[in-house]
Amino acid sequence: MEQSLCVVFGNLLENACEAVERMEGEEGTGRFIRLSAVEHMGNLIIHMENSMDGKIRKWGKFYLSSKRQEVGIGLSSISNIAQMHGGDAQFHGENGVFVSDVYLELYAGAPDEDTAHA
C-alpha cells in the first residue's frame, strides 16, 4: 500500500505542478494546487484541484501526455492502482480547473488482526 500511495500522490502532484507551470501570465496569478485526503470508513479519499490553461488533450477516455504525442501513463497508473485497491479514480477539467478524485480501500486484503501474529 505504501508504494501505491507514493505513486498516486507523486503522479497527482507532478501533473499539477506541470499544469501550473505551463500557465501563462504573471507568476502566481490564478495559480493554485489544493490537495486534501481523508480516511473515511476504511477508505482513503483524495481530492485535488489545480489551475490549468484550459487545454486538456484526450483520446477517447485517455488523457494525452503534455510531454509527448502519446497517452500519458500518470493518470492511467493512478486509475489502475485505485482499482487494484478496490477503489476508483475520476478526472475532469473545466473553467481552468483540473479535478482529480481518487479513493482506495485502505484495508482490502490486509491480514486479519487475529492471524497477523500467528
PDB file of N, CA and C in Angstrom:
ATOM      1  N   MET A   1       0.825  -1.200   0.000  1.00  0.00           N
ATOM      2  CA  MET A   1       0.000   0.000   0.000  1.00  0.00           C
ATOM      3  C   MET A   1       0.863   1.255   0.000  1.00  0.00           C
ATOM      4  N   GLU A   2       1.982   1.245   0.730  1.00  0.00           N
ATOM      5  CA  GLU A   2       2.828   2.438   0.803  1.00  0.00           C
ATOM      6  C   GLU A   2       3.362   2.826  -0.576  1.00  0.00           C
ATOM      7  N   GLN A   3       3.812   1.828  -1.351  1.00  0.00           N
ATOM      8  CA  GLN A   3       4.320   2.115  -2.691  1.00  0.00           C
ATOM      9  C   GLN A   3       3.212   2.650  -3.586  1.00  0.00           C
ATOM     10  N   SER A   4       2.020   2.077  -3.461  1.00  0.00           N
ATOM     11  CA  SER A   4       0.887   2.546  -4.258  1.00  0.00           C
ATOM     12  C   SER A   4       0.553   3.996  -3.946  1.00  0.00           C
ATOM     13  N   LEU A   5       0.569   4.341  -2.661  1.00  0.00           N
ATOM     14  CA  LEU A   5       0.273   5.719  -2.279  1.00  0.00           C
ATOM     15  C   LEU A   5       1.332   6.684  -2.793  1.00  0.00           C
ATOM     16  N   CYS A   6       2.589   6.263  -2.785  1.00  0.00           N
ATOM     17  CA  CYS A   6       3.659   7.105  -3.330  1.00  0.00           C
ATOM     18  C   CYS A   6       3.431   7.376  -4.812  1.00  0.00           C
ATOM     19  N   VAL A   7       3.033   6.350  -5.552  1.00  0.00           N
ATOM     20  CA  VAL A   7       2.783   6.520  -6.984  1.00  0.00           C
ATOM     21  C   VAL A   7       1.599   7.458  -7.203  1.00  0.00           C
ATOM     22  N   VAL A   8       0.517   7.249  -6.451  1.00  0.00           N
ATOM     23  CA  VAL A   8      -0.682   8.075  -6.618  1.00  0.00           C
ATOM     24  C   VAL A   8      -0.380   9.539  -6.308  1.00  0.00           C
ATOM     25  N   PHE A   9       0.150   9.809  -5.114  1.00  0.00           N
ATOM     26  CA  PHE A   9       0.421  11.199  -4.737  1.00  0.00           C
ATOM     27  C   PHE A   9       1.509  11.807  -5.622  1.00  0.00           C
ATOM     28  N   GLY A  10       2.526  11.029  -5.953  1.00  0.00           N
ATOM     29  CA  GLY A  10       3.597  11.531  -6.821  1.00  0.00           C
ATOM     30  C   GLY A  10       3.078  11.957  -8.183  1.00  0.00           C
ATOM     31  N   ASN A  11       2.254  11.117  -8.809  1.00  0.00           N
ATOM     32  CA  ASN A  11       1.708  11.453 -10.122  1.00  0.00           C
ATOM     33  C   ASN A  11       0.745  12.628 -10.055  1.00  0.00           C
ATOM     34  N   LEU A  12      -0.115  12.648  -9.041  1.00  0.00           N
ATOM     35  CA  LEU A  12      -1.045  13.774  -8.914  1.00  0.00           C
ATOM     36  C   LEU A  12      -0.301  15.098  -8.791  1.00  0.00           C
ATOM     37  N   LEU A  13       0.685  15.124  -7.899  1.00  0.00           N
ATOM     38  CA  LEU A  13       1.412  16.375  -7.665  1.00  0.00           C
ATOM     39  C   LEU A  13       2.303  16.756  -8.842  1.00  0.00           C
ATOM     40  N   GLU A  14       2.929  15.781  -9.483  1.00  0.00           N
ATOM     41  CA  GLU A  14       3.759  16.093 -10.649  1.00  0.00           C
ATOM     42  C   GLU A  14       2.911  16.695 -11.763  1.00  0.00           C
ATOM     43  N   ASN A  15       1.751  16.092 -12.041  1.00  0.00           N
ATOM     44  CA  ASN A  15       0.866  16.618 -13.085  1.00  0.00           C
ATOM     45  C   ASN A  15       0.379  18.023 -12.745  1.00  0.00           C
ATOM     46  N   ALA A  16       0.006  18.228 -11.480  1.00  0.00           N
ATOM     47  CA  ALA A  16      -0.499  19.540 -11.073  1.00  0.00           C
ATOM     48  C   ALA A  16       0.586  20.603 -11.190  1.00  0.00           C
ATOM     49  N   CYS A  17       1.797  20.285 -10.735  1.00  0.00           N
ATOM     50  CA  CYS A  17       2.907  21.252 -10.819  1.00  0.00           C
ATOM     51  C   CYS A  17       3.208  21.615 -12.274  1.00  0.00           C
ATOM     52  N   GLU A  18       3.206  20.624 -13.141  1.00  0.00           N
ATOM     53  CA  GLU A  18       3.470  20.898 -14.555  1.00  0.00           C
ATOM     54  C   GLU A  18       2.361  21.742 -15.169  1.00  0.00           C
ATOM     55  N   ALA A  19       1.107  21.477 -14.811  1.00  0.00           N
ATOM     56  CA  ALA A  19      -0.010  22.268 -15.347  1.00  0.00           C
ATOM     57  C   ALA A  19       0.080  23.715 -14.889  1.00  0.00           C
ATOM     58  N   VAL A  20       0.412  23.915 -13.634  1.00  0.00           N
ATOM     59  CA  VAL A  20       0.531  25.270 -13.094  1.00  0.00           C
ATOM     60  C   VAL A  20       1.698  26.005 -13.751  1.00  0.00           C
ATOM     61  N   GLU A  21       2.824  25.319 -13.960  1.00  0.00           N
ATOM     62  CA  GLU A  21       3.988  25.946 -14.603  1.00  0.00           C
ATOM     63  C   GLU A  21       3.694  26.360 -16.041  1.00  0.00           C
ATOM     64  N   ARG A  22       2.842  25.611 -16.750  1.00  0.00           N
ATOM     65  CA  ARG A  22       2.524  25.915 -18.149  1.00  0.00           C
ATOM     66  C   ARG A  22       1.603  27.120 -18.299  1.00  0.00           C
ATOM     67  N   MET A  23       0.965  27.532 -17.217  1.00  0.00           N
ATOM     68  CA  MET A  23       0.030  28.646 -17.319  1.00  0.00           C
ATOM     69  C   MET A  23       0.766  29.932 -17.676  1.00  0.00           C
ATOM     70  N   GLU A  24       0.163  30.683 -18.565  1.00  0.00           N
ATOM     71  CA  GLU A  24       0.747  31.956 -18.971  1.00  0.00           C
ATOM     72  C   GLU A  24       0.313  33.047 -18.005  1.00  0.00           C
ATOM     73  N   GLY A  25       0.998  34.159 -18.067  1.00  0.00           N
ATOM     74  CA  GLY A  25       0.640  35.280 -17.206  1.00  0.00           C
ATOM     75  C   GLY A  25       1.657  35.463 -16.105  1.00  0.00           C
ATOM     76  N   GLU A  26       1.382  36.434 -15.287  1.00  0.00           N
ATOM     77  CA  GLU A  26       2.285  36.779 -14.195  1.00  0.00           C
ATOM     78  C   GLU A  26       2.380  35.641 -13.190  1.00  0.00           C
ATOM     79  N   GLU A  27       3.587  35.383 -12.733  1.00  0.00           N
ATOM     80  CA  GLU A  27       3.848  34.316 -11.766  1.00  0.00           C
ATOM     81  C   GLU A  27       2.924  34.451 -10.558  1.00  0.00           C
ATOM     82  N   GLY A  28       2.277  33.343 -10.201  1.00  0.00           N
ATOM     83  CA  GLY A  28       1.438  33.314  -9.009  1.00  0.00           C
ATOM     84  C   GLY A  28      -0.004  33.746  -9.239  1.00  0.00           C
ATOM     85  N   THR A  29      -0.282  34.432 -10.345  1.00  0.00           N
ATOM     86  CA  THR A  29      -1.622  34.939 -10.588  1.00  0.00           C
ATOM     87  C   THR A  29      -2.549  33.806 -11.002  1.00  0.00           C
ATOM     88  N   GLY A  30      -3.526  33.500 -10.176  1.00  0.00           N
ATOM     89  CA  GLY A  30      -4.512  32.483 -10.504  1.00  0.00           C
ATOM     90  C   GLY A  30      -3.986  31.056 -10.473  1.00  0.00           C
ATOM     91  N   ARG A  31      -2.772  30.857 -10.028  1.00  0.00           N
ATOM     92  CA  ARG A  31      -2.190  29.521  -9.986  1.00  0.00           C
ATOM     93  C   ARG A  31      -2.403  28.918  -8.601  1.00  0.00           C
ATOM     94  N   PHE A  32      -2.854  27.664  -8.583  1.00  0.00           N
ATOM     95  CA  PHE A  32      -3.072  27.016  -7.289  1.00  0.00           C
ATOM     96  C   PHE A  32      -3.060  25.501  -7.431  1.00  0.00           C
ATOM     97  N   ILE A  33      -2.778  24.865  -6.315  1.00  0.00           N
ATOM     98  CA  ILE A  33      -2.929  23.422  -6.151  1.00  0.00           C
ATOM     99  C   ILE A  33      -3.555  23.231  -4.778  1.00  0.00           C
ATOM    100  N   ARG A  34      -4.686  22.552  -4.731  1.00  0.00           N
ATOM    101  CA  ARG A  34      -5.359  22.250  -3.469  1.00  0.00           C
ATOM    102  C   ARG A  34      -5.494  20.731  -3.362  1.00  0.00           C
ATOM    103  N   LEU A  35      -4.959  20.180  -2.300  1.00  0.00           N
ATOM    104  CA  LEU A  35      -4.976  18.733  -2.109  1.00  0.00           C
ATOM    105  C   LEU A  35      -5.539  18.416  -0.739  1.00  0.00           C
ATOM    106  N   SER A  36      -6.483  17.507  -0.695  1.00  0.00           N
ATOM    107  CA  SER A  36      -6.989  17.033   0.592  1.00  0.00           C
ATOM    108  C   SER A  36      -7.125  15.519   0.524  1.00  0.00           C
ATOM    109  N   ALA A  37      -6.893  14.898   1.659  1.00  0.00           N
ATOM    110  CA  ALA A  37      -7.037  13.451   1.762  1.00  0.00           C
ATOM    111  C   ALA A  37      -7.592  13.138   3.142  1.00  0.00           C
ATOM    112  N   VAL A  38      -8.622  12.302   3.168  1.00  0.00           N
ATOM    113  CA  VAL A  38      -9.223  11.906   4.432  1.00  0.00           C
ATOM    114  C   VAL A  38      -9.464  10.403   4.428  1.00  0.00           C
ATOM    115  N   GLU A  39      -9.438   9.833   5.614  1.00  0.00           N
ATOM    116  CA  GLU A  39      -9.800   8.432   5.778  1.00  0.00           C
ATOM    117  C   GLU A  39     -11.232   8.400   6.265  1.00  0.00           C
ATOM    118  N   HIS A  40     -12.063   7.619   5.594  1.00  0.00           N
ATOM    119  CA  HIS A  40     -13.469   7.525   5.973  1.00  0.00           C
ATOM    120  C   HIS A  40     -13.927   6.085   5.773  1.00  0.00           C
ATOM    121  N   MET A  41     -14.314   5.454   6.847  1.00  0.00           N
ATOM    122  CA  MET A  41     -14.846   4.087   6.824  1.00  0.00           C
ATOM    123  C   MET A  41     -13.921   3.117   6.087  1.00  0.00           C
ATOM    124  N   GLY A  42     -12.635   3.213   6.374  1.00  0.00           N
ATOM    125  CA  GLY A  42     -11.667   2.300   5.789  1.00  0.00           C
ATOM    126  C   GLY A  42     -11.225   2.645   4.384  1.00  0.00           C
ATOM    127  N   ASN A  43     -11.659   3.777   3.869  1.00  0.00           N
ATOM    128  CA  ASN A  43     -11.264   4.234   2.539  1.00  0.00           C
ATOM    129  C   ASN A  43     -10.431   5.506   2.647  1.00  0.00           C
ATOM    130  N   LEU A  44      -9.457   5.632   1.775  1.00  0.00           N
ATOM    131  CA  LEU A  44      -8.728   6.883   1.649  1.00  0.00           C
ATOM    132  C   LEU A  44      -9.349   7.633   0.486  1.00  0.00           C
ATOM    133  N   ILE A  45      -9.812   8.838   0.755  1.00  0.00           N
ATOM    134  CA  ILE A  45     -10.456   9.660  -0.264  1.00  0.00           C
ATOM    135  C   ILE A  45      -9.555  10.857  -0.529  1.00  0.00           C
ATOM    136  N   ILE A  46      -9.120  10.979  -1.770  1.00  0.00           N
ATOM    137  CA  ILE A  46      -8.200  12.042  -2.174  1.00  0.00           C
ATOM    138  C   ILE A  46      -8.929  12.951  -3.155  1.00  0.00           C
ATOM    139  N   HIS A  47      -8.875  14.233  -2.890  1.00  0.00           N
ATOM    140  CA  HIS A  47      -9.473  15.220  -3.798  1.00  0.00           C
ATOM    141  C   HIS A  47      -8.416  16.286  -4.072  1.00  0.00           C
ATOM    142  N   MET A  48      -8.164  16.538  -5.342  1.00  0.00           N
ATOM    143  CA  MET A  48      -7.191  17.560  -5.688  1.00  0.00           C
ATOM    144  C   MET A  48      -7.748  18.428  -6.815  1.00  0.00           C
ATOM    145  N   GLU A  49      -7.503  19.718  -6.697  1.00  0.00           N
ATOM    146  CA  GLU A  49      -7.843  20.686  -7.738  1.00  0.00           C
ATOM    147  C   GLU A  49      -6.598  21.485  -8.040  1.00  0.00           C
ATOM    148  N   ASN A  50      -6.373  21.736  -9.317  1.00  0.00           N
ATOM    149  CA  ASN A  50      -5.271  22.622  -9.692  1.00  0.00           C
ATOM    150  C   ASN A  50      -5.679  23.477 -10.873  1.00  0.00           C
ATOM    151  N   SER A  51      -5.102  24.670 -10.903  1.00  0.00           N
ATOM    152  CA  SER A  51      -5.363  25.547 -12.033  1.00  0.00           C
ATOM    153  C   SER A  51      -4.673  24.982 -13.264  1.00  0.00           C
ATOM    154  N   MET A  52      -5.191  25.357 -14.436  1.00  0.00           N
ATOM    155  CA  MET A  52      -4.622  24.893 -15.703  1.00  0.00           C
ATOM    156  C   MET A  52      -4.949  25.915 -16.778  1.00  0.00           C
ATOM    157  N   ASP A  53      -4.301  25.745 -17.920  1.00  0.00           N
ATOM    158  CA  ASP A  53      -4.522  26.691 -19.013  1.00  0.00           C
ATOM    159  C   ASP A  53      -5.796  26.411 -19.795  1.00  0.00           C
ATOM    160  N   GLY A  54      -6.533  25.373 -19.420  1.00  0.00           N
ATOM    161  CA  GLY A  54      -7.798  25.075 -20.074  1.00  0.00           C
ATOM    162  C   GLY A  54      -7.689  24.176 -21.282  1.00  0.00           C
ATOM    163  N   LYS A  55      -6.488  23.725 -21.602  1.00  0.00           N
ATOM    164  CA  LYS A  55      -6.293  22.875 -22.773  1.00  0.00           C
ATOM    165  C   LYS A  55      -6.055  21.432 -22.332  1.00  0.00           C
ATOM    166  N   ILE A  56      -7.116  20.634 -22.330  1.00  0.00           N
ATOM    167  CA  ILE A  56      -6.994  19.219 -21.986  1.00  0.00           C
ATOM    168  C   ILE A  56      -7.000  18.441 -23.289  1.00  0.00           C
ATOM    169  N   ARG A  57      -6.036  17.569 -23.392  1.00  0.00           N
ATOM    170  CA  ARG A  57      -5.944  16.747 -24.605  1.00  0.00           C
ATOM    171  C   ARG A  57      -6.305  15.315 -24.258  1.00  0.00           C
ATOM    172  N   LYS A  58      -7.343  14.806 -24.953  1.00  0.00           N
ATOM    173  CA  LYS A  58      -7.797  13.442 -24.701  1.00  0.00           C
ATOM    174  C   LYS A  58      -7.888  12.675 -26.011  1.00  0.00           C
ATOM    175  N   TRP A  59      -7.764  11.374 -25.887  1.00  0.00           N
ATOM    176  CA  TRP A  59      -8.006  10.450 -26.981  1.00  0.00           C
ATOM    177  C   TRP A  59      -8.936   9.391 -26.426  1.00  0.00           C
ATOM    178  N   GLY A  60     -10.227   9.520 -26.750  1.00  0.00           N
ATOM    179  CA  GLY A  60     -11.224   8.654 -26.133  1.00  0.00           C
ATOM    180  C   GLY A  60     -11.298   8.952 -24.651  1.00  0.00           C
ATOM    181  N   LYS A  61     -11.172   7.918 -23.831  1.00  0.00           N
ATOM    182  CA  LYS A  61     -11.211   8.119 -22.382  1.00  0.00           C
ATOM    183  C   LYS A  61      -9.832   8.376 -21.793  1.00  0.00           C
ATOM    184  N   PHE A  62      -8.799   8.366 -22.631  1.00  0.00           N
ATOM    185  CA  PHE A  62      -7.426   8.524 -22.162  1.00  0.00           C
ATOM    186  C   PHE A  62      -6.955   9.958 -22.305  1.00  0.00           C
ATOM    187  N   TYR A  63      -6.144  10.382 -21.345  1.00  0.00           N
ATOM    188  CA  TYR A  63      -5.536  11.708 -21.406  1.00  0.00           C
ATOM    189  C   TYR A  63      -4.200  11.592 -22.115  1.00  0.00           C
ATOM    190  N   LEU A  64      -3.924  12.555 -22.982  1.00  0.00           N
ATOM    191  CA  LEU A  64      -2.657  12.568 -23.708  1.00  0.00           C
ATOM    192  C   LEU A  64      -1.610  13.303 -22.894  1.00  0.00           C
ATOM    193  N   SER A  65      -0.393  12.844 -23.012  1.00  0.00           N
ATOM    194  CA  SER A  65       0.720  13.440 -22.288  1.00  0.00           C
ATOM    195  C   SER A  65       0.956  14.866 -22.760  1.00  0.00           C
ATOM    196  N   SER A  66       1.343  15.712 -21.830  1.00  0.00           N
ATOM    197  CA  SER A  66       1.717  17.079 -22.189  1.00  0.00           C
ATOM    198  C   SER A  66       3.166  17.118 -22.658  1.00  0.00           C
ATOM    199  N   LYS A  67       3.903  16.019 -22.464  1.00  0.00           N
ATOM    200  CA  LYS A  67       5.326  15.978 -22.802  1.00  0.00           C
ATOM    201  C   LYS A  67       5.595  15.385 -24.179  1.00  0.00           C
ATOM    202  N   ARG A  68       4.676  14.524 -24.658  1.00  0.00           N
ATOM    203  CA  ARG A  68       4.882  13.871 -25.954  1.00  0.00           C
ATOM    204  C   ARG A  68       3.522  13.535 -26.560  1.00  0.00           C
ATOM    205  N   GLN A  69       3.505  13.147 -27.790  1.00  0.00           N
ATOM    206  CA  GLN A  69       2.264  12.873 -28.507  1.00  0.00           C
ATOM    207  C   GLN A  69       1.815  11.428 -28.302  1.00  0.00           C
ATOM    208  N   GLU A  70       1.501  11.070 -27.086  1.00  0.00           N
ATOM    209  CA  GLU A  70       1.007   9.731 -26.784  1.00  0.00           C
ATOM    210  C   GLU A  70       0.210   9.776 -25.491  1.00  0.00           C
ATOM    211  N   VAL A  71      -0.488   8.675 -25.222  1.00  0.00           N
ATOM    212  CA  VAL A  71      -1.281   8.591 -23.993  1.00  0.00           C
ATOM    213  C   VAL A  71      -0.337   8.672 -22.804  1.00  0.00           C
ATOM    214  N   GLY A  72      -0.686   9.517 -21.843  1.00  0.00           N
ATOM    215  CA  GLY A  72       0.120   9.648 -20.633  1.00  0.00           C
ATOM    216  C   GLY A  72      -0.082   8.446 -19.726  1.00  0.00           C
ATOM    217  N   ILE A  73       0.928   8.150 -18.937  1.00  0.00           N
ATOM    218  CA  ILE A  73       0.822   6.994 -18.048  1.00  0.00           C
ATOM    219  C   ILE A  73       0.471   7.380 -16.613  1.00  0.00           C
ATOM    220  N   GLY A  74       0.609   8.641 -16.258  1.00  0.00           N
ATOM    221  CA  GLY A  74       0.372   9.065 -14.878  1.00  0.00           C
ATOM    222  C   GLY A  74      -1.052   8.825 -14.410  1.00  0.00           C
ATOM    223  N   LEU A  75      -2.037   9.383 -15.104  1.00  0.00           N
ATOM    224  CA  LEU A  75      -3.425   9.221 -14.686  1.00  0.00           C
ATOM    225  C   LEU A  75      -3.889   7.784 -14.856  1.00  0.00           C
ATOM    226  N   SER A  76      -3.397   7.109 -15.896  1.00  0.00           N
ATOM    227  CA  SER A  76      -3.745   5.695 -16.087  1.00  0.00           C
ATOM    228  C   SER A  76      -3.226   4.848 -14.933  1.00  0.00           C
ATOM    229  N   SER A  77      -2.011   5.129 -14.473  1.00  0.00           N
ATOM    230  CA  SER A  77      -1.465   4.349 -13.363  1.00  0.00           C
ATOM    231  C   SER A  77      -2.224   4.635 -12.076  1.00  0.00           C
ATOM    232  N   ILE A  78      -2.669   5.881 -11.871  1.00  0.00           N
ATOM    233  CA  ILE A  78      -3.481   6.201 -10.698  1.00  0.00           C
ATOM    234  C   ILE A  78      -4.784   5.407 -10.734  1.00  0.00           C
ATOM    235  N   SER A  79      -5.439   5.379 -11.882  1.00  0.00           N
ATOM    236  CA  SER A  79      -6.690   4.619 -12.026  1.00  0.00           C
ATOM    237  C   SER A  79      -6.468   3.137 -11.768  1.00  0.00           C
ATOM    238  N   ASN A  80      -5.394   2.593 -12.322  1.00  0.00           N
ATOM    239  CA  ASN A  80      -5.099   1.167 -12.137  1.00  0.00           C
ATOM    240  C   ASN A  80      -4.826   0.837 -10.670  1.00  0.00           C
ATOM    241  N   ILE A  81      -4.077   1.687 -10.000  1.00  0.00           N
ATOM    242  CA  ILE A  81      -3.781   1.458  -8.582  1.00  0.00           C
ATOM    243  C   ILE A  81      -5.060   1.545  -7.755  1.00  0.00           C
ATOM    244  N   ALA A  82      -5.891   2.532  -8.042  1.00  0.00           N
ATOM    245  CA  ALA A  82      -7.156   2.667  -7.302  1.00  0.00           C
ATOM    246  C   ALA A  82      -7.998   1.397  -7.468  1.00  0.00           C
ATOM    247  N   GLN A  83      -8.107   0.900  -8.685  1.00  0.00           N
ATOM    248  CA  GLN A  83      -8.885  -0.313  -8.932  1.00  0.00           C
ATOM    249  C   GLN A  83      -8.253  -1.525  -8.247  1.00  0.00           C
ATOM    250  N   MET A  84      -6.936  -1.591  -8.260  1.00  0.00           N
ATOM    251  CA  MET A  84      -6.220  -2.689  -7.623  1.00  0.00           C
ATOM    252  C   MET A  84      -6.513  -2.727  -6.114  1.00  0.00           C
ATOM    253  N   HIS A  85      -6.794  -1.571  -5.539  1.00  0.00           N
ATOM    254  CA  HIS A  85      -7.079  -1.477  -4.107  1.00  0.00           C
ATOM    255  C   HIS A  85      -8.581  -1.275  -3.849  1.00  0.00           C
ATOM    256  N   GLY A  86      -9.414  -1.794  -4.754  1.00  0.00           N
ATOM    257  CA  GLY A  86     -10.856  -1.777  -4.551  1.00  0.00           C
ATOM    258  C   GLY A  86     -11.504  -0.423  -4.675  1.00  0.00           C
ATOM    259  N   GLY A  87     -10.858   0.519  -5.358  1.00  0.00           N
ATOM    260  CA  GLY A  87     -11.382   1.876  -5.466  1.00  0.00           C
ATOM    261  C   GLY A  87     -11.602   2.315  -6.896  1.00  0.00           C
ATOM    262  N   ASP A  88     -11.515   3.610  -7.105  1.00  0.00           N
ATOM    263  CA  ASP A  88     -11.760   4.193  -8.411  1.00  0.00           C
ATOM    264  C   ASP A  88     -11.089   5.558  -8.481  1.00  0.00           C
ATOM    265  N   ALA A  89     -10.944   6.075  -9.678  1.00  0.00           N
ATOM    266  CA  ALA A  89     -10.391   7.412  -9.885  1.00  0.00           C
ATOM    267  C   ALA A  89     -11.169   8.089 -11.005  1.00  0.00           C
ATOM    268  N   GLN A  90     -11.463   9.349 -10.814  1.00  0.00           N
ATOM    269  CA  GLN A  90     -12.169  10.156 -11.817  1.00  0.00           C
ATOM    270  C   GLN A  90     -11.407  11.461 -12.003  1.00  0.00           C
ATOM    271  N   PHE A  91     -11.323  11.912 -13.251  1.00  0.00           N
ATOM    272  CA  PHE A  91     -10.617  13.144 -13.574  1.00  0.00           C
ATOM    273  C   PHE A  91     -11.468  13.953 -14.541  1.00  0.00           C
ATOM    274  N   HIS A  92     -11.461  15.254 -14.368  1.00  0.00           N
ATOM    275  CA  HIS A  92     -12.113  16.130 -15.344  1.00  0.00           C
ATOM    276  C   HIS A  92     -11.580  17.554 -15.187  1.00  0.00           C
ATOM    277  N   GLY A  93     -11.722  18.300 -16.221  1.00  0.00           N
ATOM    278  CA  GLY A  93     -11.278  19.682 -16.190  1.00  0.00           C
ATOM    279  C   GLY A  93     -12.284  20.588 -16.862  1.00  0.00           C
ATOM    280  N   GLU A  94     -12.495  21.744 -16.260  1.00  0.00           N
ATOM    281  CA  GLU A  94     -13.363  22.749 -16.855  1.00  0.00           C
ATOM    282  C   GLU A  94     -13.116  24.089 -16.170  1.00  0.00           C
ATOM    283  N   ASN A  95     -13.362  25.156 -16.920  1.00  0.00           N
ATOM    284  CA  ASN A  95     -13.235  26.519 -16.391  1.00  0.00           C
ATOM    285  C   ASN A  95     -11.881  26.783 -15.746  1.00  0.00           C
ATOM    286  N   GLY A  96     -10.808  26.226 -16.338  1.00  0.00           N
ATOM    287  CA  GLY A  96      -9.470  26.491 -15.844  1.00  0.00           C
ATOM    288  C   GLY A  96      -9.070  25.724 -14.594  1.00  0.00           C
ATOM    289  N   VAL A  97      -9.859  24.687 -14.246  1.00  0.00           N
ATOM    290  CA  VAL A  97      -9.555  23.875 -13.071  1.00  0.00           C
ATOM    291  C   VAL A  97      -9.587  22.395 -13.452  1.00  0.00           C
ATOM    292  N   PHE A  98      -8.529  21.667 -13.078  1.00  0.00           N
ATOM    293  CA  PHE A  98      -8.491  20.223 -13.280  1.00  0.00           C
ATOM    294  C   PHE A  98      -8.751  19.570 -11.930  1.00  0.00           C
ATOM    295  N   VAL A  99      -9.689  18.616 -11.904  1.00  0.00           N
ATOM    296  CA  VAL A  99     -10.109  17.970 -10.663  1.00  0.00           C
ATOM    297  C   VAL A  99      -9.772  16.486 -10.728  1.00  0.00           C
ATOM    298  N   SER A 100      -9.152  15.999  -9.652  1.00  0.00           N
ATOM    299  CA  SER A 100      -8.827  14.579  -9.517  1.00  0.00           C
ATOM    300  C   SER A 100      -9.496  14.073  -8.249  1.00  0.00           C
ATOM    301  N   ASP A 101     -10.272  12.993  -8.382  1.00  0.00           N
ATOM    302  CA  ASP A 101     -10.896  12.347  -7.238  1.00  0.00           C
ATOM    303  C   ASP A 101     -10.488  10.880  -7.254  1.00  0.00           C
ATOM    304  N   VAL A 102      -9.882  10.432  -6.170  1.00  0.00           N
ATOM    305  CA  VAL A 102      -9.378   9.066  -6.075  1.00  0.00           C
ATOM    306  C   VAL A 102      -9.811   8.487  -4.734  1.00  0.00           C
ATOM    307  N   TYR A 103     -10.267   7.240  -4.756  1.00  0.00           N
ATOM    308  CA  TYR A 103     -10.478   6.577  -3.473  1.00  0.00           C
ATOM    309  C   TYR A 103      -9.930   5.154  -3.547  1.00  0.00           C
ATOM    310  N   LEU A 104      -9.427   4.696  -2.422  1.00  0.00           N
ATOM    311  CA  LEU A 104      -8.852   3.368  -2.300  1.00  0.00           C
ATOM    312  C   LEU A 104      -9.306   2.751  -0.985  1.00  0.00           C
ATOM    313  N   GLU A 105      -9.495   1.439  -0.980  1.00  0.00           N
ATOM    314  CA  GLU A 105      -9.771   0.735   0.271  1.00  0.00           C
ATOM    315  C   GLU A 105      -8.437   0.549   0.985  1.00  0.00           C
ATOM    316  N   LEU A 106      -8.328   1.086   2.178  1.00  0.00           N
ATOM    317  CA  LEU A 106      -7.059   1.024   2.905  1.00  0.00           C
ATOM    318  C   LEU A 106      -6.743  -0.358   3.440  1.00  0.00           C
ATOM    319  N   TYR A 107      -7.765  -1.119   3.779  1.00  0.00           N
ATOM    320  CA  TYR A 107      -7.511  -2.375   4.461  1.00  0.00           C
ATOM    321  C   TYR A 107      -7.901  -3.587   3.637  1.00  0.00           C
ATOM    322  N   ALA A 108      -8.168  -3.403   2.361  1.00  0.00           N
ATOM    323  CA  ALA A 108      -8.509  -4.540   1.496  1.00  0.00           C
ATOM    324  C   ALA A 108      -7.324  -5.487   1.436  1.00  0.00           C
ATOM    325  N   GLY A 109      -7.566  -6.732   1.741  1.00  0.00           N
ATOM    326  CA  GLY A 109      -6.508  -7.724   1.673  1.00  0.00           C
ATOM    327  C   GLY A 109      -5.548  -7.683   2.833  1.00  0.00           C
ATOM    328  N   ALA A 110      -5.771  -6.817   3.814  1.00  0.00           N
ATOM    329  CA  ALA A 110      -4.889  -6.749   4.979  1.00  0.00           C
ATOM    330  C   ALA A 110      -5.112  -7.977   5.838  1.00  0.00           C
ATOM    331  N   PRO A 111      -4.072  -8.486   6.469  1.00  0.00           N
ATOM    332  CA  PRO A 111      -4.242  -9.663   7.309  1.00  0.00           C
ATOM    333  C   PRO A 111      -5.155  -9.380   8.484  1.00  0.00           C
ATOM    334  N   ASP A 112      -5.934 -10.357   8.837  1.00  0.00           N
ATOM    335  CA  ASP A 112      -6.832 -10.264   9.992  1.00  0.00           C
ATOM    336  C   ASP A 112      -5.972 -10.102  11.240  1.00  0.00           C
ATOM    337  N   GLU A 113      -6.388  -9.237  12.157  1.00  0.00           N
ATOM    338  CA  GLU A 113      -5.603  -8.981  13.362  1.00  0.00           C
ATOM    339  C   GLU A 113      -5.308 -10.245  14.158  1.00  0.00           C
ATOM    340  N   ASP A 114      -6.294 -11.155  14.186  1.00  0.00           N
ATOM    341  CA  ASP A 114      -6.115 -12.391  14.962  1.00  0.00           C
ATOM    342  C   ASP A 114      -5.065 -13.310  14.332  1.00  0.00           C
ATOM    343  N   THR A 115      -4.942 -13.276  12.990  1.00  0.00           N
ATOM    344  CA  THR A 115      -3.999 -14.172  12.330  1.00  0.00           C
ATOM    345  C   THR A 115      -2.664 -13.505  12.046  1.00  0.00           C
ATOM    346  N   ALA A 116      -2.574 -12.197  12.241  1.00  0.00           N
ATOM    347  CA  ALA A 116      -1.355 -11.465  11.932  1.00  0.00           C
ATOM    348  C   ALA A 116      -0.201 -11.875  12.851  1.00  0.00           C
ATOM    349  N   HIS A 117      -0.513 -12.338  14.049  1.00  0.00           N
ATOM    350  CA  HIS A 117       0.538 -12.690  14.999  1.00  0.00           C
ATOM    351  C   HIS A 117       0.795 -14.183  15.063  1.00  0.00           C
ATOM    352  N   ALA A 118       0.139 -14.954  14.231  1.00  0.00           N
ATOM    353  CA  ALA A 118       0.280 -16.420  14.261  1.00  0.00           C
ATOM    354  C   ALA A 118       1.616 -16.867  13.757  1.00  0.00           C
TER     355      ALA A 118
END
